[in-house]
Amino acid sequence: MSWHWRTIATVWLLAIIGAILTGVLATPASALGWIGLTLAGCTLVTLGLQIATGTKEGYVKRVTLSITGAMVILVVATVVVCVVYGAARLLSWIS
């Protein structure tokens, strides 16, 4: 079962990369949309990777861990993006 963790960690890494790219490249108006698309991509990759393993035992657990982990990562990224964009907007309003 230990090699299954690689497929779960791959999805989590994809979520981290997507969150970083969203924070760096997206505009404040489109950031939440890109976070949602990142979660959709992580879901598709999860299903593909878990089906590709060809192992029935633990399928639901692996999919749940992958998607839940990606969701937690993206929730944290959403909070960070909102705080950063909110602080930048507040500073521009004060100036």
C-alpha atoms as a PDB file:
ATOM      1  CA  MET A   1       0.000   0.000   0.000  1.00  0.00           C
ATOM      2  CA  SER A   2       2.950   2.361   0.487  1.00  0.00           C
ATOM      3  CA  TRP A   3       3.337   2.995  -3.245  1.00  0.00           C
ATOM      4  CA  HIS A   4      -0.272   4.233  -3.312  1.00  0.00           C
ATOM      5  CA  TRP A   5       0.883   7.216  -1.264  1.00  0.00           C
ATOM      6  CA  ARG A   6       2.837   8.372  -4.303  1.00  0.00           C
ATOM      7  CA  THR A   7      -0.380   8.791  -6.287  1.00  0.00           C
ATOM      8  CA  ILE A   8      -1.970  10.708  -3.397  1.00  0.00           C
ATOM      9  CA  ALA A   9       1.108  12.922  -2.968  1.00  0.00           C
ATOM     10  CA  THR A  10       1.149  13.594  -6.720  1.00  0.00           C
ATOM     11  CA  VAL A  11      -2.315  15.119  -6.512  1.00  0.00           C
ATOM     12  CA  TRP A  12      -1.348  17.167  -3.475  1.00  0.00           C
ATOM     13  CA  LEU A  13       1.736  18.427  -5.303  1.00  0.00           C
ATOM     14  CA  LEU A  14      -0.445  19.346  -8.286  1.00  0.00           C
ATOM     15  CA  ALA A  15      -2.707  21.327  -5.938  1.00  0.00           C
ATOM     16  CA  ILE A  16       0.290  23.177  -4.472  1.00  0.00           C
ATOM     17  CA  ILE A  17       1.643  24.008  -7.931  1.00  0.00           C
ATOM     18  CA  GLY A  18      -1.793  25.159  -9.092  1.00  0.00           C
ATOM     19  CA  ALA A  19      -2.212  27.323  -5.993  1.00  0.00           C
ATOM     20  CA  ILE A  20       1.180  28.960  -6.453  1.00  0.00           C
ATOM     21  CA  LEU A  21       0.570  29.615 -10.142  1.00  0.00           C
ATOM     22  CA  THR A  22      -2.840  31.062  -9.353  1.00  0.00           C
ATOM     23  CA  GLY A  23      -1.424  33.343  -6.689  1.00  0.00           C
ATOM     24  CA  VAL A  24       1.334  34.567  -8.979  1.00  0.00           C
ATOM     25  CA  LEU A  25      -0.414  34.788 -12.342  1.00  0.00           C
ATOM     26  CA  ALA A  26      -4.122  35.366 -11.712  1.00  0.00           C
ATOM     27  CA  THR A  27      -5.775  38.736 -11.356  1.00  0.00           C
ATOM     28  CA  PRO A  28      -7.762  39.432  -8.185  1.00  0.00           C
ATOM     29  CA  ALA A  29     -11.002  39.068 -10.129  1.00  0.00           C
ATOM     30  CA  SER A  30     -10.113  35.670 -11.584  1.00  0.00           C
ATOM     31  CA  ALA A  31      -8.180  34.056  -8.714  1.00  0.00           C
ATOM     32  CA  LEU A  32     -11.146  32.218  -7.194  1.00  0.00           C
ATOM     33  CA  GLY A  33     -12.140  30.834 -10.573  1.00  0.00           C
ATOM     34  CA  TRP A  34      -8.659  29.482 -11.162  1.00  0.00           C
ATOM     35  CA  ILE A  35      -8.604  27.881  -7.714  1.00  0.00           C
ATOM     36  CA  GLY A  36     -11.849  26.118  -8.628  1.00  0.00           C
ATOM     37  CA  LEU A  37     -10.378  24.938 -11.911  1.00  0.00           C
ATOM     38  CA  THR A  38      -7.336  23.657 -10.055  1.00  0.00           C
ATOM     39  CA  LEU A  39      -9.590  21.584  -7.801  1.00  0.00           C
ATOM     40  CA  ALA A  40     -11.427  20.233 -10.846  1.00  0.00           C
ATOM     41  CA  GLY A  41      -8.109  19.269 -12.443  1.00  0.00           C
ATOM     42  CA  CYS A  42      -6.957  17.603  -9.222  1.00  0.00           C
ATOM     43  CA  THR A  43     -10.183  15.592  -9.139  1.00  0.00           C
ATOM     44  CA  LEU A  44      -9.715  14.380 -12.702  1.00  0.00           C
ATOM     45  CA  VAL A  45      -6.072  13.503 -12.110  1.00  0.00           C
ATOM     46  CA  THR A  46      -7.041  11.669  -8.909  1.00  0.00           C
ATOM     47  CA  LEU A  47      -9.599   9.525 -10.685  1.00  0.00           C
ATOM     48  CA  GLY A  48      -7.196   8.790 -13.521  1.00  0.00           C
ATOM     49  CA  LEU A  49      -4.305   7.858 -11.246  1.00  0.00           C
ATOM     50  CA  GLN A  50      -6.386   5.667  -8.976  1.00  0.00           C
ATOM     51  CA  ILE A  51      -8.002   3.822 -11.865  1.00  0.00           C
ATOM     52  CA  ALA A  52      -4.561   3.368 -13.439  1.00  0.00           C
ATOM     53  CA  THR A  53      -3.285   1.600 -10.332  1.00  0.00           C
ATOM     54  CA  GLY A  54      -5.648  -1.277 -11.073  1.00  0.00           C
ATOM     55  CA  THR A  55      -6.140  -1.971  -7.365  1.00  0.00           C
ATOM     56  CA  LYS A  56      -9.694  -2.231  -6.074  1.00  0.00           C
ATOM     57  CA  GLU A  57      -8.835  -2.442  -2.398  1.00  0.00           C
ATOM     58  CA  GLY A  58      -8.759   0.988  -0.804  1.00  0.00           C
ATOM     59  CA  TYR A  59      -9.933   2.838  -3.924  1.00  0.00           C
ATOM     60  CA  VAL A  60     -12.467   5.002  -2.100  1.00  0.00           C
ATOM     61  CA  LYS A  61      -9.996   5.752   0.686  1.00  0.00           C
ATOM     62  CA  ARG A  62      -7.283   6.789  -1.766  1.00  0.00           C
ATOM     63  CA  VAL A  63      -9.644   8.989  -3.776  1.00  0.00           C
ATOM     64  CA  THR A  64     -10.988  10.571  -0.597  1.00  0.00           C
ATOM     65  CA  LEU A  65      -7.494  11.280   0.738  1.00  0.00           C
ATOM     66  CA  SER A  66      -6.355  12.750  -2.570  1.00  0.00           C
ATOM     67  CA  ILE A  67      -9.304  15.060  -3.074  1.00  0.00           C
ATOM     68  CA  THR A  68      -9.615  16.068   0.583  1.00  0.00           C
ATOM     69  CA  GLY A  69      -5.924  16.900   0.765  1.00  0.00           C
ATOM     70  CA  ALA A  70      -6.122  18.933  -2.434  1.00  0.00           C
ATOM     71  CA  MET A  71      -9.170  20.747  -1.095  1.00  0.00           C
ATOM     72  CA  VAL A  72      -7.427  21.632   2.179  1.00  0.00           C
ATOM     73  CA  ILE A  73      -4.407  22.931   0.266  1.00  0.00           C
ATOM     74  CA  LEU A  74      -6.622  25.037  -1.983  1.00  0.00           C
ATOM     75  CA  VAL A  75      -8.664  26.403   0.942  1.00  0.00           C
ATOM     76  CA  VAL A  76      -5.446  27.596   2.571  1.00  0.00           C
ATOM     77  CA  ALA A  77      -4.345  29.080  -0.763  1.00  0.00           C
ATOM     78  CA  THR A  78      -7.696  30.850  -1.116  1.00  0.00           C
ATOM     79  CA  VAL A  79      -7.342  32.432   2.322  1.00  0.00           C
ATOM     80  CA  VAL A  80      -3.779  33.532   1.551  1.00  0.00           C
ATOM     81  CA  VAL A  81      -4.768  34.988  -1.830  1.00  0.00           C
ATOM     82  CA  CYS A  82      -7.730  36.836  -0.302  1.00  0.00           C
ATOM     83  CA  VAL A  83      -5.591  38.273   2.489  1.00  0.00           C
ATOM     84  CA  VAL A  84      -2.829  39.355   0.098  1.00  0.00           C
ATOM     85  CA  TYR A  85      -5.206  40.914  -2.422  1.00  0.00           C
ATOM     86  CA  GLY A  86      -7.254  42.489   0.376  1.00  0.00           C
ATOM     87  CA  ALA A  87      -4.163  43.984   1.982  1.00  0.00           C
ATOM     88  CA  ALA A  88      -2.951  45.320  -1.371  1.00  0.00           C
ATOM     89  CA  ARG A  89      -6.365  46.852  -2.039  1.00  0.00           C
ATOM     90  CA  LEU A  90      -6.474  48.398   1.434  1.00  0.00           C
ATOM     91  CA  LEU A  91      -2.991  49.861   1.032  1.00  0.00           C
ATOM     92  CA  SER A  92      -3.872  51.355  -2.333  1.00  0.00           C
ATOM     93  CA  TRP A  93      -7.048  52.834  -0.854  1.00  0.00           C
ATOM     94  CA  ILE A  94      -5.128  54.425   2.047  1.00  0.00           C
ATOM     95  CA  SER A  95      -2.486  55.954  -0.234  1.00  0.00           C
END
